[in-house]
């Protein structure tokens, strides 16, 4: 065995934080996001991840068409994108700011039942 081979891979992580989240919130589902570097070369079907972060958050659990390339975990980001989306419709061009804000709140309310509390786990390299 060479000296280089004796160096830790740093792929083993403490389960303390994630375990506490699961123990404290046993009924919450787990949502996992893998970053773009999680399997950067694509040569293997699975890749170990050296960076791990977990927290309690929310996920918009519906097939929204506001921005189909985003899995929303932030209400403010979703509200901003929904406002931009609504701004593209002809009928809002004649609305006052107050009317537009009311329309935005009305649309946001439709998504309210789909915001689900969950444990979010980010992995990457």
N, C-alpha and C. Protein backbone atom coordinates (compact mmCIF):
# COMPACT_ATOMS: atom_id res chain seq x y z
N UNK A 1 0.85 -1.18 0.00
CA UNK A 1 0.00 0.00 0.00
C UNK A 1 0.89 1.24 0.00
N UNK A 2 0.58 2.17 -0.89
CA UNK A 2 1.37 3.40 -0.98
C UNK A 2 0.87 4.41 0.04
N UNK A 3 1.65 5.45 0.27
CA UNK A 3 1.25 6.52 1.19
C UNK A 3 -0.01 7.22 0.67
N UNK A 4 -0.12 7.40 -0.63
CA UNK A 4 -1.30 8.04 -1.22
C UNK A 4 -2.55 7.22 -0.96
N UNK A 5 -2.43 5.91 -0.99
CA UNK A 5 -3.57 5.03 -0.77
C UNK A 5 -4.08 5.09 0.67
N UNK A 6 -3.26 5.55 1.58
CA UNK A 6 -3.63 5.63 2.99
C UNK A 6 -4.47 6.86 3.31
N UNK A 7 -4.62 7.77 2.34
CA UNK A 7 -5.37 9.01 2.54
C UNK A 7 -6.87 8.72 2.47
N UNK A 8 -7.61 9.25 3.42
CA UNK A 8 -9.06 9.06 3.47
C UNK A 8 -9.74 9.62 2.22
N UNK A 9 -10.82 8.98 1.82
CA UNK A 9 -11.60 9.44 0.66
C UNK A 9 -12.54 10.59 1.04
N UNK A 10 -12.81 10.77 2.30
CA UNK A 10 -13.76 11.77 2.80
C UNK A 10 -15.18 11.52 2.27
N UNK A 11 -15.49 10.27 2.00
CA UNK A 11 -16.83 9.93 1.52
C UNK A 11 -17.75 9.47 2.65
N UNK A 12 -17.21 9.18 3.80
CA UNK A 12 -18.04 8.78 4.94
C UNK A 12 -18.43 10.02 5.73
N UNK A 13 -19.71 10.14 6.02
CA UNK A 13 -20.24 11.33 6.70
C UNK A 13 -21.00 10.93 7.95
N UNK A 14 -20.97 11.79 8.92
CA UNK A 14 -21.73 11.57 10.13
C UNK A 14 -23.23 11.59 9.79
N UNK A 15 -23.97 10.72 10.41
CA UNK A 15 -25.42 10.69 10.20
C UNK A 15 -26.15 11.53 11.25
N UNK A 16 -25.41 12.18 12.13
CA UNK A 16 -25.99 12.91 13.26
C UNK A 16 -27.10 13.87 12.83
N UNK A 17 -26.82 14.78 11.91
CA UNK A 17 -27.81 15.79 11.53
C UNK A 17 -29.02 15.17 10.82
N UNK A 18 -28.78 14.31 9.85
CA UNK A 18 -29.87 13.68 9.13
C UNK A 18 -30.68 12.78 10.05
N UNK A 19 -30.01 12.02 10.90
CA UNK A 19 -30.70 11.14 11.85
C UNK A 19 -31.61 11.94 12.75
N UNK A 20 -31.11 13.09 13.25
CA UNK A 20 -31.94 13.94 14.13
C UNK A 20 -33.17 14.44 13.38
N UNK A 21 -32.99 14.87 12.12
CA UNK A 21 -34.14 15.34 11.33
C UNK A 21 -35.18 14.22 11.18
N UNK A 22 -34.72 13.02 10.91
CA UNK A 22 -35.65 11.90 10.72
C UNK A 22 -36.31 11.50 12.03
N UNK A 23 -35.54 11.44 13.11
CA UNK A 23 -36.12 11.08 14.42
C UNK A 23 -37.12 12.12 14.89
N UNK A 24 -36.78 13.39 14.69
CA UNK A 24 -37.67 14.48 15.12
C UNK A 24 -38.88 14.64 14.21
N UNK A 25 -38.80 14.12 12.99
CA UNK A 25 -39.87 14.27 12.00
C UNK A 25 -40.12 12.96 11.27
N UNK A 26 -40.51 11.91 11.99
CA UNK A 26 -40.61 10.58 11.38
C UNK A 26 -41.67 10.45 10.28
N UNK A 27 -42.62 11.34 10.24
CA UNK A 27 -43.69 11.25 9.23
C UNK A 27 -43.38 12.06 7.96
N UNK A 28 -42.30 12.83 7.97
CA UNK A 28 -41.99 13.63 6.79
C UNK A 28 -41.33 12.79 5.71
N UNK A 29 -41.73 13.03 4.45
CA UNK A 29 -41.06 12.33 3.35
C UNK A 29 -39.67 12.91 3.11
N UNK A 30 -38.86 12.17 2.39
CA UNK A 30 -37.50 12.58 2.05
C UNK A 30 -37.45 12.96 0.58
N UNK A 31 -36.89 14.13 0.29
CA UNK A 31 -36.70 14.60 -1.08
C UNK A 31 -35.20 14.74 -1.30
N UNK A 32 -34.67 14.08 -2.34
CA UNK A 32 -33.23 14.08 -2.59
C UNK A 32 -32.93 14.80 -3.90
N UNK A 33 -31.99 15.73 -3.83
CA UNK A 33 -31.49 16.42 -5.01
C UNK A 33 -30.02 16.07 -5.18
N UNK A 34 -29.66 15.66 -6.38
CA UNK A 34 -28.26 15.41 -6.71
C UNK A 34 -27.78 16.53 -7.61
N UNK A 35 -26.67 17.15 -7.24
CA UNK A 35 -26.12 18.26 -8.00
C UNK A 35 -25.52 17.81 -9.32
N UNK A 36 -25.21 18.77 -10.16
CA UNK A 36 -24.70 18.46 -11.50
C UNK A 36 -23.36 17.75 -11.47
N UNK A 37 -22.63 17.86 -10.36
CA UNK A 37 -21.35 17.17 -10.25
C UNK A 37 -21.47 15.82 -9.55
N UNK A 38 -22.67 15.40 -9.22
CA UNK A 38 -22.86 14.14 -8.51
C UNK A 38 -22.41 12.95 -9.36
N UNK A 39 -22.58 13.02 -10.66
CA UNK A 39 -22.10 11.97 -11.56
C UNK A 39 -21.58 12.66 -12.81
N UNK A 40 -20.53 13.43 -12.62
CA UNK A 40 -20.03 14.34 -13.65
C UNK A 40 -19.53 13.67 -14.91
N UNK A 41 -19.00 12.47 -14.84
CA UNK A 41 -18.51 11.87 -16.07
C UNK A 41 -19.47 10.84 -16.66
N UNK A 42 -20.43 10.38 -15.88
CA UNK A 42 -21.44 9.46 -16.38
C UNK A 42 -20.93 8.08 -16.73
N UNK A 43 -19.69 7.77 -16.37
CA UNK A 43 -19.12 6.46 -16.69
C UNK A 43 -19.69 5.34 -15.83
N UNK A 44 -20.25 5.69 -14.67
CA UNK A 44 -20.73 4.68 -13.73
C UNK A 44 -22.22 4.91 -13.46
N UNK A 45 -22.98 3.84 -13.20
CA UNK A 45 -24.41 4.03 -12.92
C UNK A 45 -24.66 4.75 -11.60
N UNK A 46 -23.72 4.62 -10.65
CA UNK A 46 -23.85 5.29 -9.36
C UNK A 46 -22.54 5.98 -9.04
N UNK A 47 -22.61 7.08 -8.31
CA UNK A 47 -21.42 7.83 -7.95
C UNK A 47 -21.51 8.19 -6.47
N UNK A 48 -20.42 8.04 -5.74
CA UNK A 48 -20.37 8.48 -4.35
C UNK A 48 -20.40 10.00 -4.33
N UNK A 49 -20.98 10.56 -3.27
CA UNK A 49 -21.04 12.02 -3.15
C UNK A 49 -20.30 12.47 -1.89
N UNK A 50 -19.48 13.48 -2.04
CA UNK A 50 -18.68 13.95 -0.92
C UNK A 50 -19.28 15.15 -0.20
N UNK A 51 -20.24 15.81 -0.79
CA UNK A 51 -20.90 16.97 -0.17
C UNK A 51 -22.36 16.61 0.12
N UNK A 52 -22.76 16.74 1.38
CA UNK A 52 -24.11 16.38 1.78
C UNK A 52 -24.67 17.46 2.70
N UNK A 53 -25.92 17.87 2.45
CA UNK A 53 -26.59 18.87 3.27
C UNK A 53 -28.05 18.46 3.42
N UNK A 54 -28.59 18.56 4.62
CA UNK A 54 -30.00 18.21 4.83
C UNK A 54 -30.66 19.24 5.73
N UNK A 55 -31.95 19.45 5.49
CA UNK A 55 -32.72 20.39 6.29
C UNK A 55 -34.22 20.14 6.09
N UNK A 56 -35.01 20.72 6.97
CA UNK A 56 -36.47 20.67 6.84
C UNK A 56 -36.88 21.82 5.92
N UNK A 57 -37.68 21.51 4.93
CA UNK A 57 -38.13 22.54 4.00
C UNK A 57 -39.50 22.20 3.46
N UNK A 58 -39.83 22.82 2.35
CA UNK A 58 -41.10 22.58 1.67
C UNK A 58 -40.83 22.30 0.20
N UNK A 59 -41.72 21.54 -0.38
CA UNK A 59 -41.63 21.20 -1.80
C UNK A 59 -43.00 21.40 -2.43
N UNK A 60 -43.05 22.04 -3.58
CA UNK A 60 -44.30 22.22 -4.32
C UNK A 60 -44.55 20.92 -5.08
N UNK A 61 -45.38 20.07 -4.53
CA UNK A 61 -45.58 18.72 -5.03
C UNK A 61 -46.76 18.64 -6.00
N UNK A 62 -46.57 19.24 -7.17
CA UNK A 62 -47.55 19.15 -8.25
C UNK A 62 -46.83 19.36 -9.57
N UNK A 63 -47.46 19.00 -10.64
CA UNK A 63 -46.87 19.15 -11.97
C UNK A 63 -47.16 20.54 -12.52
N UNK A 64 -46.57 21.52 -11.88
CA UNK A 64 -46.81 22.92 -12.27
C UNK A 64 -46.18 23.20 -13.63
N UNK A 65 -46.76 24.14 -14.35
CA UNK A 65 -46.25 24.51 -15.67
C UNK A 65 -45.69 25.95 -15.68
N UNK A 66 -45.50 26.51 -14.51
CA UNK A 66 -44.94 27.87 -14.42
C UNK A 66 -43.50 27.83 -14.92
N UNK A 67 -42.74 26.86 -14.44
CA UNK A 67 -41.40 26.59 -14.95
C UNK A 67 -41.15 25.10 -14.72
N UNK A 68 -41.36 24.33 -15.75
CA UNK A 68 -41.30 22.87 -15.63
C UNK A 68 -39.90 22.34 -15.33
N UNK A 69 -38.89 23.17 -15.47
CA UNK A 69 -37.53 22.71 -15.20
C UNK A 69 -37.11 22.92 -13.75
N UNK A 70 -38.01 23.45 -12.93
CA UNK A 70 -37.69 23.73 -11.53
C UNK A 70 -38.56 22.91 -10.60
N UNK A 71 -37.93 22.32 -9.60
CA UNK A 71 -38.64 21.72 -8.47
C UNK A 71 -38.60 22.78 -7.37
N UNK A 72 -39.71 23.41 -7.11
CA UNK A 72 -39.74 24.54 -6.18
C UNK A 72 -39.67 24.09 -4.73
N UNK A 73 -38.69 24.66 -4.02
CA UNK A 73 -38.56 24.44 -2.58
C UNK A 73 -38.54 25.79 -1.85
N UNK A 74 -38.84 26.85 -2.57
CA UNK A 74 -38.84 28.19 -2.00
C UNK A 74 -40.08 28.93 -2.50
N UNK A 75 -40.94 29.31 -1.58
CA UNK A 75 -42.19 29.99 -1.94
C UNK A 75 -41.95 31.33 -2.62
N UNK A 76 -40.95 32.07 -2.16
CA UNK A 76 -40.66 33.37 -2.76
C UNK A 76 -40.22 33.23 -4.21
N UNK A 77 -39.39 32.24 -4.49
CA UNK A 77 -38.96 31.99 -5.87
C UNK A 77 -40.16 31.63 -6.74
N UNK A 78 -41.05 30.81 -6.19
CA UNK A 78 -42.23 30.43 -6.95
C UNK A 78 -43.12 31.64 -7.21
N UNK A 79 -43.31 32.47 -6.20
CA UNK A 79 -44.15 33.66 -6.37
C UNK A 79 -43.56 34.59 -7.44
N UNK A 80 -42.24 34.78 -7.42
CA UNK A 80 -41.60 35.63 -8.43
C UNK A 80 -41.81 35.05 -9.84
N UNK A 81 -41.62 33.75 -9.97
CA UNK A 81 -41.78 33.11 -11.28
C UNK A 81 -43.24 33.12 -11.74
N UNK A 82 -44.16 32.95 -10.80
CA UNK A 82 -45.58 33.01 -11.14
C UNK A 82 -45.96 34.42 -11.59
N UNK A 83 -45.43 35.43 -10.94
CA UNK A 83 -45.70 36.82 -11.34
C UNK A 83 -45.18 37.07 -12.75
N UNK A 84 -43.97 36.59 -13.04
CA UNK A 84 -43.42 36.72 -14.40
C UNK A 84 -44.27 35.99 -15.42
N UNK A 85 -44.74 34.81 -15.03
CA UNK A 85 -45.58 33.99 -15.91
C UNK A 85 -46.90 34.72 -16.21
N UNK A 86 -47.53 35.25 -15.17
CA UNK A 86 -48.81 35.95 -15.33
C UNK A 86 -48.64 37.23 -16.15
N UNK A 87 -47.49 37.83 -16.05
CA UNK A 87 -47.22 39.08 -16.75
C UNK A 87 -47.24 38.90 -18.26
N UNK A 88 -47.17 37.67 -18.73
CA UNK A 88 -47.17 37.39 -20.17
C UNK A 88 -48.57 37.31 -20.78
N UNK A 89 -49.60 37.36 -19.95
CA UNK A 89 -50.96 37.28 -20.46
C UNK A 89 -51.48 38.67 -20.81
N UNK A 90 -52.23 38.75 -21.89
CA UNK A 90 -52.73 40.03 -22.39
C UNK A 90 -53.63 40.74 -21.39
N UNK A 91 -54.46 39.99 -20.67
CA UNK A 91 -55.43 40.64 -19.78
C UNK A 91 -54.77 41.38 -18.62
N UNK A 92 -53.54 41.03 -18.26
CA UNK A 92 -52.90 41.73 -17.15
C UNK A 92 -52.29 43.06 -17.59
N UNK A 93 -52.14 43.26 -18.87
CA UNK A 93 -51.56 44.51 -19.36
C UNK A 93 -52.40 45.72 -18.97
N UNK A 94 -53.69 45.53 -18.83
CA UNK A 94 -54.58 46.64 -18.47
C UNK A 94 -54.86 46.72 -16.97
N UNK A 95 -54.28 45.82 -16.19
CA UNK A 95 -54.53 45.80 -14.74
C UNK A 95 -53.69 46.84 -14.02
N UNK A 96 -54.24 47.34 -12.94
CA UNK A 96 -53.46 48.19 -12.04
C UNK A 96 -52.58 47.26 -11.20
N UNK A 97 -51.63 47.83 -10.48
CA UNK A 97 -50.77 47.03 -9.61
C UNK A 97 -51.59 46.31 -8.54
N UNK A 98 -52.58 46.98 -8.03
CA UNK A 98 -53.44 46.38 -7.00
C UNK A 98 -54.21 45.19 -7.58
N UNK A 99 -54.74 45.35 -8.78
CA UNK A 99 -55.47 44.26 -9.43
C UNK A 99 -54.54 43.09 -9.74
N UNK A 100 -53.33 43.40 -10.20
CA UNK A 100 -52.37 42.34 -10.50
C UNK A 100 -51.98 41.58 -9.23
N UNK A 101 -51.74 42.31 -8.15
CA UNK A 101 -51.40 41.66 -6.88
C UNK A 101 -52.53 40.76 -6.39
N UNK A 102 -53.77 41.20 -6.58
CA UNK A 102 -54.91 40.37 -6.21
C UNK A 102 -54.97 39.11 -7.06
N UNK A 103 -54.72 39.25 -8.36
CA UNK A 103 -54.71 38.09 -9.27
C UNK A 103 -53.59 37.13 -8.89
N UNK A 104 -52.42 37.67 -8.54
CA UNK A 104 -51.29 36.84 -8.14
C UNK A 104 -51.64 36.07 -6.87
N UNK A 105 -52.23 36.72 -5.90
CA UNK A 105 -52.62 36.05 -4.65
C UNK A 105 -53.65 34.97 -4.92
N UNK A 106 -54.57 35.24 -5.84
CA UNK A 106 -55.60 34.26 -6.21
C UNK A 106 -54.94 33.02 -6.83
N UNK A 107 -53.97 33.23 -7.70
CA UNK A 107 -53.27 32.11 -8.34
C UNK A 107 -52.41 31.36 -7.34
N UNK A 108 -51.72 32.08 -6.46
CA UNK A 108 -50.91 31.43 -5.44
C UNK A 108 -51.75 30.52 -4.54
N UNK A 109 -52.95 30.96 -4.23
CA UNK A 109 -53.84 30.18 -3.37
C UNK A 109 -54.16 28.81 -3.98
N UNK A 110 -54.20 28.73 -5.30
CA UNK A 110 -54.48 27.45 -5.97
C UNK A 110 -53.38 26.43 -5.71
N UNK A 111 -52.17 26.90 -5.48
CA UNK A 111 -51.02 26.00 -5.26
C UNK A 111 -50.80 25.67 -3.78
N UNK A 112 -51.45 26.41 -2.90
CA UNK A 112 -51.23 26.26 -1.46
C UNK A 112 -51.34 24.80 -0.97
N UNK A 113 -52.35 24.03 -1.39
CA UNK A 113 -52.46 22.66 -0.87
C UNK A 113 -51.32 21.73 -1.31
N UNK A 114 -50.54 22.16 -2.27
CA UNK A 114 -49.50 21.30 -2.83
C UNK A 114 -48.12 21.55 -2.22
N UNK A 115 -48.01 22.55 -1.35
CA UNK A 115 -46.76 22.76 -0.63
C UNK A 115 -46.68 21.74 0.48
N UNK A 116 -45.68 20.86 0.42
CA UNK A 116 -45.55 19.77 1.40
C UNK A 116 -44.25 19.94 2.18
N UNK A 117 -44.38 19.85 3.49
CA UNK A 117 -43.21 19.87 4.35
C UNK A 117 -42.45 18.56 4.17
N UNK A 118 -41.12 18.63 4.13
CA UNK A 118 -40.33 17.42 3.91
C UNK A 118 -38.89 17.63 4.40
N UNK A 119 -38.16 16.54 4.43
CA UNK A 119 -36.73 16.59 4.69
C UNK A 119 -36.05 16.63 3.34
N UNK A 120 -35.26 17.67 3.12
CA UNK A 120 -34.58 17.84 1.82
C UNK A 120 -33.11 17.50 2.00
N UNK A 121 -32.62 16.64 1.12
CA UNK A 121 -31.24 16.20 1.16
C UNK A 121 -30.58 16.57 -0.16
N UNK A 122 -29.51 17.35 -0.07
CA UNK A 122 -28.71 17.71 -1.25
C UNK A 122 -27.42 16.92 -1.22
N UNK A 123 -27.08 16.29 -2.35
CA UNK A 123 -25.80 15.59 -2.46
C UNK A 123 -25.09 16.06 -3.72
N UNK A 124 -23.77 16.14 -3.65
CA UNK A 124 -22.99 16.60 -4.78
C UNK A 124 -21.53 16.22 -4.55
N UNK A 125 -20.71 16.58 -5.47
CA UNK A 125 -19.26 16.37 -5.35
C UNK A 125 -18.52 17.66 -5.55
